[in-house]
């Protein structure tokens, strides 16, 4: 979405990664000016998919470009509103599917009924709007929420290292000898 909105050309976002630019612009946008149908609402499972949402957003951008009489690659006057609406739709989709997974796990005794923890990592965990929504979800279901600091959520290598540090501290699944391990760089 950030690429389609040409956010690298936006004066506030030229040096930001796409997700960060969307989050930045969404802070001052009006998410109610555009509404996107949430993906996979008819499927009663825990799967995530954003391809349908991406198509809806692309179609809305094309329509807005026509309305504003601008070419693809130019910045829409409503770019902040588009960013806010997209961020909200993504957050709601993630929260709904995560809620479904949490309830499924509790119902089927996959997780303990007390002291259950929701772990969120990856680029999505660096988005404060999504993180706040997941915190509210965790609180409502008596789950702890565990997220790496946002600065560690943008690089997979750093996230894997953070996971390793946490596992080392907890003494879980840590090999103390590398004998017999074969390394194959790719």
N, C-alpha and C. Protein backbone atom coordinates (compact mmCIF):
# COMPACT_ATOMS: atom_id res chain seq x y z
N UNK A 1 0.84 -1.19 0.00
CA UNK A 1 0.00 0.00 0.00
C UNK A 1 0.88 1.25 0.00
N UNK A 2 1.93 1.23 0.80
CA UNK A 2 2.84 2.39 0.85
C UNK A 2 3.46 2.63 -0.51
N UNK A 3 3.84 1.57 -1.18
CA UNK A 3 4.44 1.70 -2.52
C UNK A 3 3.41 2.26 -3.50
N UNK A 4 2.18 1.74 -3.43
CA UNK A 4 1.13 2.19 -4.35
C UNK A 4 0.77 3.65 -4.09
N UNK A 5 0.88 4.09 -2.85
CA UNK A 5 0.61 5.49 -2.51
C UNK A 5 1.81 6.40 -2.76
N UNK A 6 2.93 5.81 -3.21
CA UNK A 6 4.17 6.56 -3.48
C UNK A 6 4.64 7.35 -2.26
N UNK A 7 4.61 6.72 -1.11
CA UNK A 7 4.95 7.44 0.12
C UNK A 7 6.41 7.85 0.20
N UNK A 8 7.27 7.25 -0.61
CA UNK A 8 8.68 7.71 -0.65
C UNK A 8 8.76 9.15 -1.17
N UNK A 9 7.75 9.58 -1.91
CA UNK A 9 7.71 10.95 -2.43
C UNK A 9 7.07 11.92 -1.44
N UNK A 10 6.42 11.39 -0.40
CA UNK A 10 5.74 12.25 0.57
C UNK A 10 6.80 12.93 1.45
N UNK A 11 6.71 14.24 1.64
CA UNK A 11 7.76 14.95 2.39
C UNK A 11 7.95 14.48 3.82
N UNK A 12 6.91 13.93 4.45
CA UNK A 12 7.04 13.45 5.82
C UNK A 12 7.58 12.03 5.90
N UNK A 13 7.60 11.32 4.78
CA UNK A 13 7.85 9.88 4.81
C UNK A 13 9.00 9.41 3.93
N UNK A 14 9.72 10.31 3.29
CA UNK A 14 10.69 9.90 2.27
C UNK A 14 11.76 8.94 2.78
N UNK A 15 12.07 8.97 4.07
CA UNK A 15 13.13 8.10 4.57
C UNK A 15 12.58 6.93 5.41
N UNK A 16 11.26 6.76 5.42
CA UNK A 16 10.66 5.71 6.24
C UNK A 16 10.36 4.46 5.44
N UNK A 17 10.38 3.32 6.12
CA UNK A 17 9.89 2.08 5.52
C UNK A 17 8.37 2.21 5.34
N UNK A 18 7.81 1.38 4.50
CA UNK A 18 6.40 1.49 4.16
C UNK A 18 5.45 1.42 5.34
N UNK A 19 5.62 0.41 6.19
CA UNK A 19 4.73 0.27 7.34
C UNK A 19 4.82 1.43 8.30
N UNK A 20 6.03 1.92 8.50
CA UNK A 20 6.24 3.08 9.38
C UNK A 20 5.58 4.32 8.78
N UNK A 21 5.68 4.49 7.47
CA UNK A 21 5.06 5.64 6.81
C UNK A 21 3.54 5.59 6.93
N UNK A 22 2.96 4.40 6.74
CA UNK A 22 1.51 4.25 6.90
C UNK A 22 1.11 4.63 8.31
N UNK A 23 1.83 4.10 9.30
CA UNK A 23 1.50 4.40 10.69
C UNK A 23 1.64 5.90 10.98
N UNK A 24 2.68 6.52 10.48
CA UNK A 24 2.91 7.95 10.71
C UNK A 24 1.77 8.79 10.13
N UNK A 25 1.41 8.53 8.89
CA UNK A 25 0.35 9.31 8.25
C UNK A 25 -1.01 9.02 8.87
N UNK A 26 -1.24 7.79 9.29
CA UNK A 26 -2.52 7.40 9.86
C UNK A 26 -2.83 8.15 11.15
N UNK A 27 -1.79 8.60 11.85
CA UNK A 27 -2.00 9.30 13.11
C UNK A 27 -2.84 10.56 12.94
N UNK A 28 -2.74 11.20 11.79
CA UNK A 28 -3.50 12.44 11.57
C UNK A 28 -4.55 12.27 10.48
N UNK A 29 -4.79 11.03 10.07
CA UNK A 29 -5.83 10.76 9.08
C UNK A 29 -7.15 10.41 9.73
N UNK A 30 -8.19 10.43 8.93
CA UNK A 30 -9.53 10.09 9.40
C UNK A 30 -9.89 8.72 8.83
N UNK A 31 -9.85 7.71 9.65
CA UNK A 31 -10.11 6.35 9.19
C UNK A 31 -11.55 6.13 8.76
N UNK A 32 -12.45 7.03 9.12
CA UNK A 32 -13.86 6.86 8.80
C UNK A 32 -14.23 7.39 7.41
N UNK A 33 -13.32 8.11 6.76
CA UNK A 33 -13.62 8.62 5.43
C UNK A 33 -13.59 7.54 4.35
N UNK A 34 -12.91 6.45 4.64
CA UNK A 34 -12.89 5.29 3.75
C UNK A 34 -13.14 4.06 4.60
N UNK A 35 -13.93 3.14 4.09
CA UNK A 35 -14.18 1.90 4.82
C UNK A 35 -13.85 0.75 3.90
N UNK A 36 -13.03 -0.15 4.39
CA UNK A 36 -12.67 -1.33 3.61
C UNK A 36 -13.30 -2.56 4.25
N UNK A 37 -13.92 -3.37 3.41
CA UNK A 37 -14.48 -4.64 3.87
C UNK A 37 -13.34 -5.50 4.40
N UNK A 38 -13.56 -6.10 5.55
CA UNK A 38 -12.51 -6.92 6.16
C UNK A 38 -12.37 -8.25 5.42
N UNK A 39 -11.15 -8.72 5.29
CA UNK A 39 -10.92 -9.97 4.57
C UNK A 39 -11.41 -11.20 5.34
N UNK A 40 -11.81 -12.19 4.60
CA UNK A 40 -12.09 -13.54 5.10
C UNK A 40 -13.15 -13.58 6.19
N UNK A 41 -14.12 -12.70 6.16
CA UNK A 41 -15.14 -12.68 7.20
C UNK A 41 -16.04 -13.91 7.16
N UNK A 42 -16.17 -14.52 6.00
CA UNK A 42 -17.06 -15.69 5.90
C UNK A 42 -16.38 -16.98 6.34
N UNK A 43 -15.07 -16.92 6.54
CA UNK A 43 -14.33 -18.11 6.97
C UNK A 43 -14.20 -18.09 8.49
N UNK A 44 -14.67 -19.12 9.11
CA UNK A 44 -14.63 -19.20 10.57
C UNK A 44 -13.39 -19.96 11.01
N UNK A 45 -12.23 -19.41 10.65
CA UNK A 45 -10.96 -20.02 11.01
C UNK A 45 -10.03 -18.94 11.53
N UNK A 46 -8.77 -19.28 11.70
CA UNK A 46 -7.80 -18.34 12.27
C UNK A 46 -6.80 -17.85 11.22
N UNK A 47 -7.09 -18.09 9.95
CA UNK A 47 -6.16 -17.71 8.88
C UNK A 47 -6.20 -16.21 8.62
N UNK A 48 -5.03 -15.67 8.31
CA UNK A 48 -4.90 -14.27 7.90
C UNK A 48 -4.74 -14.23 6.40
N UNK A 49 -5.30 -13.21 5.77
CA UNK A 49 -5.04 -12.96 4.35
C UNK A 49 -5.28 -11.48 4.10
N UNK A 50 -4.36 -10.89 3.38
CA UNK A 50 -4.47 -9.46 3.09
C UNK A 50 -4.61 -9.17 1.60
N UNK A 51 -4.63 -10.22 0.77
CA UNK A 51 -4.68 -10.00 -0.68
C UNK A 51 -5.99 -9.34 -1.09
N UNK A 52 -7.11 -9.76 -0.53
CA UNK A 52 -8.40 -9.14 -0.86
C UNK A 52 -8.44 -7.69 -0.44
N UNK A 53 -7.91 -7.41 0.74
CA UNK A 53 -7.84 -6.03 1.23
C UNK A 53 -6.95 -5.20 0.33
N UNK A 54 -5.84 -5.77 -0.11
CA UNK A 54 -4.93 -5.05 -1.00
C UNK A 54 -5.65 -4.67 -2.30
N UNK A 55 -6.45 -5.57 -2.83
CA UNK A 55 -7.21 -5.26 -4.05
C UNK A 55 -8.22 -4.14 -3.81
N UNK A 56 -8.92 -4.20 -2.68
CA UNK A 56 -9.89 -3.15 -2.34
C UNK A 56 -9.20 -1.79 -2.20
N UNK A 57 -8.06 -1.79 -1.55
CA UNK A 57 -7.32 -0.54 -1.35
C UNK A 57 -6.83 -0.01 -2.69
N UNK A 58 -6.30 -0.87 -3.52
CA UNK A 58 -5.82 -0.44 -4.83
C UNK A 58 -6.96 0.17 -5.64
N UNK A 59 -8.12 -0.47 -5.63
CA UNK A 59 -9.28 0.07 -6.36
C UNK A 59 -9.70 1.43 -5.81
N UNK A 60 -9.66 1.58 -4.48
CA UNK A 60 -10.01 2.87 -3.87
C UNK A 60 -9.01 3.94 -4.26
N UNK A 61 -7.74 3.59 -4.32
CA UNK A 61 -6.71 4.56 -4.72
C UNK A 61 -6.92 4.98 -6.17
N UNK A 62 -7.19 4.03 -7.04
CA UNK A 62 -7.46 4.35 -8.45
C UNK A 62 -8.63 5.31 -8.54
N UNK A 63 -9.70 5.03 -7.79
CA UNK A 63 -10.88 5.90 -7.80
C UNK A 63 -10.54 7.30 -7.30
N UNK A 64 -9.78 7.39 -6.23
CA UNK A 64 -9.40 8.70 -5.69
C UNK A 64 -8.51 9.47 -6.66
N UNK A 65 -7.62 8.76 -7.35
CA UNK A 65 -6.77 9.41 -8.35
C UNK A 65 -7.62 10.00 -9.47
N UNK A 66 -8.64 9.27 -9.90
CA UNK A 66 -9.56 9.79 -10.93
C UNK A 66 -10.30 11.02 -10.43
N UNK A 67 -10.80 10.93 -9.19
CA UNK A 67 -11.54 12.05 -8.61
C UNK A 67 -10.67 13.30 -8.50
N UNK A 68 -9.41 13.10 -8.17
CA UNK A 68 -8.50 14.24 -7.97
C UNK A 68 -7.80 14.64 -9.27
N UNK A 69 -7.98 13.85 -10.32
CA UNK A 69 -7.35 14.16 -11.59
C UNK A 69 -5.84 14.06 -11.56
N UNK A 70 -5.32 13.08 -10.83
CA UNK A 70 -3.87 12.91 -10.75
C UNK A 70 -3.47 11.56 -11.33
N UNK A 71 -2.22 11.44 -11.67
CA UNK A 71 -1.66 10.21 -12.23
C UNK A 71 -1.16 9.30 -11.10
N UNK A 72 -1.05 8.02 -11.41
CA UNK A 72 -0.44 7.09 -10.47
C UNK A 72 0.98 7.57 -10.18
N UNK A 73 1.35 7.56 -8.92
CA UNK A 73 2.69 8.01 -8.53
C UNK A 73 2.66 9.40 -7.90
N UNK A 74 1.57 10.13 -8.10
CA UNK A 74 1.42 11.43 -7.43
C UNK A 74 0.74 11.21 -6.08
N UNK A 75 0.93 12.15 -5.18
CA UNK A 75 0.40 12.01 -3.82
C UNK A 75 -1.04 12.50 -3.77
N UNK A 76 -1.92 11.64 -3.27
CA UNK A 76 -3.33 11.99 -3.08
C UNK A 76 -3.48 13.00 -1.95
N UNK A 77 -4.44 13.89 -2.08
CA UNK A 77 -4.69 14.84 -0.99
C UNK A 77 -5.23 14.13 0.24
N UNK A 78 -5.87 12.97 0.04
CA UNK A 78 -6.45 12.21 1.15
C UNK A 78 -5.56 11.05 1.60
N UNK A 79 -4.25 11.14 1.32
CA UNK A 79 -3.34 10.03 1.60
C UNK A 79 -3.34 9.65 3.08
N UNK A 80 -3.51 10.62 3.97
CA UNK A 80 -3.53 10.31 5.40
C UNK A 80 -4.77 9.52 5.79
N UNK A 81 -5.89 9.86 5.14
CA UNK A 81 -7.13 9.14 5.41
C UNK A 81 -7.06 7.71 4.89
N UNK A 82 -6.46 7.53 3.73
CA UNK A 82 -6.27 6.18 3.18
C UNK A 82 -5.39 5.37 4.13
N UNK A 83 -4.30 5.97 4.58
CA UNK A 83 -3.39 5.28 5.50
C UNK A 83 -4.13 4.88 6.79
N UNK A 84 -4.93 5.79 7.33
CA UNK A 84 -5.67 5.50 8.56
C UNK A 84 -6.68 4.38 8.36
N UNK A 85 -7.39 4.41 7.24
CA UNK A 85 -8.39 3.38 6.97
C UNK A 85 -7.74 2.02 6.75
N UNK A 86 -6.62 2.00 6.05
CA UNK A 86 -5.91 0.74 5.81
C UNK A 86 -5.37 0.19 7.13
N UNK A 87 -4.73 1.03 7.90
CA UNK A 87 -4.17 0.58 9.17
C UNK A 87 -5.28 0.02 10.07
N UNK A 88 -6.42 0.69 10.10
CA UNK A 88 -7.53 0.23 10.93
C UNK A 88 -8.05 -1.13 10.45
N UNK A 89 -8.23 -1.28 9.14
CA UNK A 89 -8.73 -2.55 8.60
C UNK A 89 -7.75 -3.69 8.90
N UNK A 90 -6.47 -3.44 8.73
CA UNK A 90 -5.46 -4.46 9.03
C UNK A 90 -5.51 -4.82 10.51
N UNK A 91 -5.59 -3.81 11.36
CA UNK A 91 -5.62 -4.05 12.81
C UNK A 91 -6.84 -4.88 13.20
N UNK A 92 -8.00 -4.52 12.69
CA UNK A 92 -9.22 -5.24 13.04
C UNK A 92 -9.14 -6.69 12.56
N UNK A 93 -8.62 -6.90 11.35
CA UNK A 93 -8.48 -8.26 10.82
C UNK A 93 -7.55 -9.08 11.73
N UNK A 94 -6.42 -8.52 12.09
CA UNK A 94 -5.47 -9.23 12.95
C UNK A 94 -6.10 -9.52 14.31
N UNK A 95 -6.77 -8.53 14.88
CA UNK A 95 -7.36 -8.70 16.20
C UNK A 95 -8.47 -9.74 16.18
N UNK A 96 -9.33 -9.71 15.17
CA UNK A 96 -10.42 -10.69 15.09
C UNK A 96 -9.88 -12.11 14.96
N UNK A 97 -8.92 -12.31 14.08
CA UNK A 97 -8.39 -13.66 13.87
C UNK A 97 -7.58 -14.13 15.08
N UNK A 98 -6.87 -13.21 15.72
CA UNK A 98 -6.12 -13.57 16.92
C UNK A 98 -7.07 -13.92 18.06
N UNK A 99 -8.15 -13.18 18.19
CA UNK A 99 -9.16 -13.47 19.21
C UNK A 99 -9.72 -14.87 18.99
N UNK A 100 -10.04 -15.17 17.76
CA UNK A 100 -10.57 -16.49 17.41
C UNK A 100 -9.58 -17.58 17.81
N UNK A 101 -8.30 -17.36 17.52
CA UNK A 101 -7.27 -18.34 17.86
C UNK A 101 -7.13 -18.50 19.38
N UNK A 102 -7.17 -17.38 20.10
CA UNK A 102 -7.06 -17.44 21.55
C UNK A 102 -8.22 -18.24 22.14
N UNK A 103 -9.43 -17.96 21.69
CA UNK A 103 -10.61 -18.66 22.22
C UNK A 103 -10.57 -20.14 21.86
N UNK A 104 -10.12 -20.44 20.64
CA UNK A 104 -9.98 -21.84 20.23
C UNK A 104 -9.00 -22.57 21.13
N UNK A 105 -7.87 -21.95 21.39
CA UNK A 105 -6.84 -22.57 22.23
C UNK A 105 -7.33 -22.77 23.67
N UNK A 106 -8.06 -21.80 24.19
CA UNK A 106 -8.59 -21.93 25.55
C UNK A 106 -9.66 -23.02 25.61
N UNK A 107 -10.56 -23.02 24.64
CA UNK A 107 -11.65 -24.00 24.60
C UNK A 107 -11.12 -25.43 24.51
N UNK A 108 -10.05 -25.61 23.77
CA UNK A 108 -9.49 -26.94 23.55
C UNK A 108 -8.32 -27.26 24.48
N UNK A 109 -8.17 -26.45 25.52
CA UNK A 109 -7.12 -26.65 26.54
C UNK A 109 -5.72 -26.74 25.94
N UNK A 110 -5.49 -26.01 24.87
CA UNK A 110 -4.16 -25.94 24.26
C UNK A 110 -3.27 -25.00 25.06
N UNK A 111 -3.89 -24.00 25.67
CA UNK A 111 -3.18 -23.05 26.51
C UNK A 111 -3.69 -23.17 27.94
N UNK A 112 -2.87 -22.81 28.91
CA UNK A 112 -3.36 -22.84 30.29
C UNK A 112 -4.45 -21.79 30.49
N UNK A 113 -5.40 -22.11 31.35
CA UNK A 113 -6.49 -21.15 31.60
C UNK A 113 -6.00 -19.93 32.38
N UNK A 114 -4.86 -20.08 33.05
CA UNK A 114 -4.26 -18.95 33.78
C UNK A 114 -2.86 -18.73 33.24
N UNK A 115 -2.44 -17.48 33.26
CA UNK A 115 -1.09 -17.09 32.82
C UNK A 115 -0.81 -17.37 31.35
N UNK A 116 -1.84 -17.33 30.52
CA UNK A 116 -1.61 -17.49 29.08
C UNK A 116 -0.97 -16.21 28.55
N UNK A 117 -0.13 -16.36 27.53
CA UNK A 117 0.60 -15.23 26.97
C UNK A 117 0.41 -15.18 25.47
N UNK A 118 0.15 -13.99 24.96
CA UNK A 118 0.10 -13.73 23.53
C UNK A 118 1.43 -13.08 23.16
N UNK A 119 2.17 -13.70 22.25
CA UNK A 119 3.45 -13.16 21.80
C UNK A 119 3.26 -12.59 20.41
N UNK A 120 3.66 -11.35 20.22
CA UNK A 120 3.54 -10.68 18.92
C UNK A 120 4.92 -10.19 18.54
N UNK A 121 5.37 -10.57 17.34
CA UNK A 121 6.67 -10.11 16.87
C UNK A 121 6.59 -9.85 15.38
N UNK A 122 7.68 -9.47 14.82
CA UNK A 122 7.70 -9.15 13.40
C UNK A 122 7.37 -7.69 13.20
N UNK A 123 7.33 -7.28 11.95
CA UNK A 123 7.07 -5.88 11.63
C UNK A 123 5.76 -5.38 12.19
N UNK A 124 4.75 -6.24 12.22
CA UNK A 124 3.44 -5.82 12.72
C UNK A 124 3.52 -5.41 14.20
N UNK A 125 4.44 -5.98 14.95
CA UNK A 125 4.57 -5.65 16.37
C UNK A 125 5.19 -4.28 16.59
N UNK A 126 5.74 -3.68 15.54
CA UNK A 126 6.30 -2.34 15.70
C UNK A 126 5.23 -1.26 15.54
N UNK A 127 4.05 -1.63 15.01
CA UNK A 127 2.97 -0.67 14.81
C UNK A 127 2.22 -0.48 16.13
N UNK A 128 2.26 0.73 16.66
CA UNK A 128 1.68 1.01 17.97
C UNK A 128 0.16 0.92 17.97
N UNK A 129 -0.49 1.24 16.87
CA UNK A 129 -1.95 1.14 16.78
C UNK A 129 -2.38 -0.32 16.88
N UNK A 130 -1.72 -1.18 16.13
CA UNK A 130 -2.03 -2.61 16.17
C UNK A 130 -1.66 -3.19 17.52
N UNK A 131 -0.52 -2.79 18.04
CA UNK A 131 -0.08 -3.29 19.34
C UNK A 131 -1.07 -2.92 20.43
N UNK A 132 -1.59 -1.69 20.38
CA UNK A 132 -2.58 -1.26 21.39
C UNK A 132 -3.85 -2.09 21.28
N UNK A 133 -4.29 -2.36 20.05
CA UNK A 133 -5.47 -3.20 19.86
C UNK A 133 -5.26 -4.60 20.40
N UNK A 134 -4.08 -5.16 20.17
CA UNK A 134 -3.77 -6.50 20.68
C UNK A 134 -3.62 -6.48 22.20
N UNK A 135 -3.13 -5.37 22.75
CA UNK A 135 -3.06 -5.25 24.22
C UNK A 135 -4.46 -5.26 24.80
N UNK A 136 -5.39 -4.53 24.18
CA UNK A 136 -6.78 -4.52 24.65
C UNK A 136 -7.39 -5.92 24.57
N UNK A 137 -7.10 -6.63 23.48
CA UNK A 137 -7.59 -8.00 23.31
C UNK A 137 -7.01 -8.91 24.39
N UNK A 138 -5.72 -8.81 24.62
CA UNK A 138 -5.08 -9.63 25.65
C UNK A 138 -5.67 -9.33 27.02
N UNK A 139 -5.83 -8.06 27.34
CA UNK A 139 -6.40 -7.68 28.63
C UNK A 139 -7.81 -8.23 28.80
N UNK A 140 -8.62 -8.15 27.75
CA UNK A 140 -10.01 -8.61 27.82
C UNK A 140 -10.12 -10.11 28.03
N UNK A 141 -9.07 -10.85 27.65
CA UNK A 141 -9.09 -12.30 27.76
C UNK A 141 -8.12 -12.83 28.82
N UNK A 142 -7.63 -11.94 29.68
CA UNK A 142 -6.69 -12.30 30.75
C UNK A 142 -5.43 -12.97 30.24
N UNK A 143 -4.92 -12.45 29.15
CA UNK A 143 -3.65 -12.90 28.60
C UNK A 143 -2.61 -11.83 28.89
N UNK A 144 -1.38 -12.25 29.06
CA UNK A 144 -0.27 -11.29 29.07
C UNK A 144 0.09 -11.06 27.61
N UNK A 145 0.55 -9.88 27.29
CA UNK A 145 1.04 -9.59 25.94
C UNK A 145 2.54 -9.40 26.02
N UNK A 146 3.24 -10.13 25.19
CA UNK A 146 4.70 -10.05 25.15
C UNK A 146 5.13 -9.64 23.75
N UNK A 147 5.79 -8.50 23.65
CA UNK A 147 6.29 -7.99 22.37
C UNK A 147 7.72 -7.52 22.57
N UNK A 148 8.56 -7.76 21.59
CA UNK A 148 9.88 -7.15 21.65
C UNK A 148 9.73 -5.63 21.56
N UNK A 149 10.71 -4.89 22.01
CA UNK A 149 10.65 -3.43 21.82
C UNK A 149 10.52 -3.13 20.32
N UNK A 150 9.78 -2.08 19.96
CA UNK A 150 9.57 -1.77 18.53
C UNK A 150 10.86 -1.68 17.72
N UNK A 151 11.93 -1.19 18.32
CA UNK A 151 13.18 -1.06 17.56
C UNK A 151 13.75 -2.42 17.16
N UNK A 152 13.29 -3.50 17.81
CA UNK A 152 13.77 -4.83 17.47
C UNK A 152 12.78 -5.59 16.58
N UNK A 153 11.73 -4.94 16.16
CA UNK A 153 10.68 -5.62 15.39
C UNK A 153 10.80 -5.45 13.89
N UNK A 154 11.81 -4.78 13.42
CA UNK A 154 11.87 -4.49 11.99
C UNK A 154 12.88 -5.34 11.25
N UNK A 155 13.69 -6.08 11.95
CA UNK A 155 14.73 -6.87 11.31
C UNK A 155 14.62 -8.30 11.81
N UNK A 156 14.40 -9.26 10.90
CA UNK A 156 14.21 -10.64 11.31
C UNK A 156 15.41 -11.18 12.08
N UNK A 157 16.62 -10.84 11.66
CA UNK A 157 17.81 -11.32 12.37
C UNK A 157 17.84 -10.84 13.80
N UNK A 158 17.46 -9.58 14.02
CA UNK A 158 17.43 -9.04 15.37
C UNK A 158 16.34 -9.73 16.19
N UNK A 159 15.19 -9.99 15.56
CA UNK A 159 14.11 -10.67 16.30
C UNK A 159 14.52 -12.08 16.69
N UNK A 160 15.20 -12.78 15.81
CA UNK A 160 15.65 -14.13 16.13
C UNK A 160 16.69 -14.08 17.26
N UNK A 161 17.57 -13.09 17.21
CA UNK A 161 18.56 -12.93 18.28
C UNK A 161 17.87 -12.63 19.60
N UNK A 162 16.84 -11.76 19.58
CA UNK A 162 16.09 -11.44 20.80
C UNK A 162 15.44 -12.70 21.36
N UNK A 163 14.85 -13.51 20.49
CA UNK A 163 14.25 -14.77 20.91
C UNK A 163 15.31 -15.65 21.57
N UNK A 164 16.50 -15.73 20.96
CA UNK A 164 17.58 -16.52 21.52
C UNK A 164 18.00 -16.05 22.89
N UNK A 165 18.07 -14.74 23.08
CA UNK A 165 18.44 -14.19 24.39
C UNK A 165 17.40 -14.57 25.43
N UNK A 166 16.11 -14.44 25.07
CA UNK A 166 15.05 -14.79 26.02
C UNK A 166 15.08 -16.27 26.36
N UNK A 167 15.32 -17.11 25.35
CA UNK A 167 15.39 -18.55 25.60
C UNK A 167 16.62 -18.89 26.46
N UNK A 168 17.72 -18.22 26.22
CA UNK A 168 18.92 -18.45 27.02
C UNK A 168 18.67 -18.07 28.47
N UNK A 169 18.04 -16.91 28.68
CA UNK A 169 17.72 -16.46 30.04
C UNK A 169 16.82 -17.46 30.76
N UNK A 170 15.87 -18.03 30.01
CA UNK A 170 14.91 -18.96 30.60
C UNK A 170 15.46 -20.38 30.66
N UNK A 171 16.60 -20.62 30.00
CA UNK A 171 17.18 -21.96 29.97
C UNK A 171 16.37 -22.94 29.15
N UNK A 172 15.67 -22.46 28.15
CA UNK A 172 14.80 -23.30 27.33
C UNK A 172 15.40 -23.57 25.96
N UNK A 173 15.53 -24.83 25.61
CA UNK A 173 15.92 -25.21 24.25
C UNK A 173 17.25 -24.64 23.81
N UNK A 174 18.20 -24.48 24.71
CA UNK A 174 19.49 -23.91 24.36
C UNK A 174 20.53 -25.02 24.33
N UNK A 175 21.23 -25.13 23.21
CA UNK A 175 22.31 -26.10 23.11
C UNK A 175 23.56 -25.51 23.74
N UNK A 176 24.20 -26.28 24.59
CA UNK A 176 25.41 -25.79 25.24
C UNK A 176 26.67 -26.29 24.54
N UNK A 177 26.47 -27.18 23.56
CA UNK A 177 27.61 -27.68 22.79
C UNK A 177 27.22 -27.68 21.31
N UNK A 178 28.09 -27.17 20.48
CA UNK A 178 27.81 -27.14 19.04
C UNK A 178 28.38 -28.36 18.32
N UNK A 179 28.93 -29.31 19.08
CA UNK A 179 29.47 -30.53 18.47
C UNK A 179 28.35 -31.28 17.76
N UNK A 180 28.63 -31.72 16.56
CA UNK A 180 27.65 -32.50 15.81
C UNK A 180 26.67 -31.66 15.01
N UNK A 181 26.81 -30.36 15.07
CA UNK A 181 25.92 -29.49 14.29
C UNK A 181 26.61 -29.12 12.99
N UNK A 182 25.91 -29.27 11.88
CA UNK A 182 26.45 -28.94 10.57
C UNK A 182 25.85 -27.61 10.11
N UNK A 183 26.67 -26.70 9.68
CA UNK A 183 26.21 -25.40 9.21
C UNK A 183 26.32 -25.36 7.70
N UNK A 184 25.27 -24.93 7.02
CA UNK A 184 25.28 -24.82 5.57
C UNK A 184 24.78 -23.44 5.18
N UNK A 185 25.67 -22.51 4.93
CA UNK A 185 25.23 -21.16 4.52
C UNK A 185 24.57 -21.21 3.15
N UNK A 186 23.58 -20.34 2.97
CA UNK A 186 22.90 -20.27 1.68
C UNK A 186 22.89 -18.85 1.21
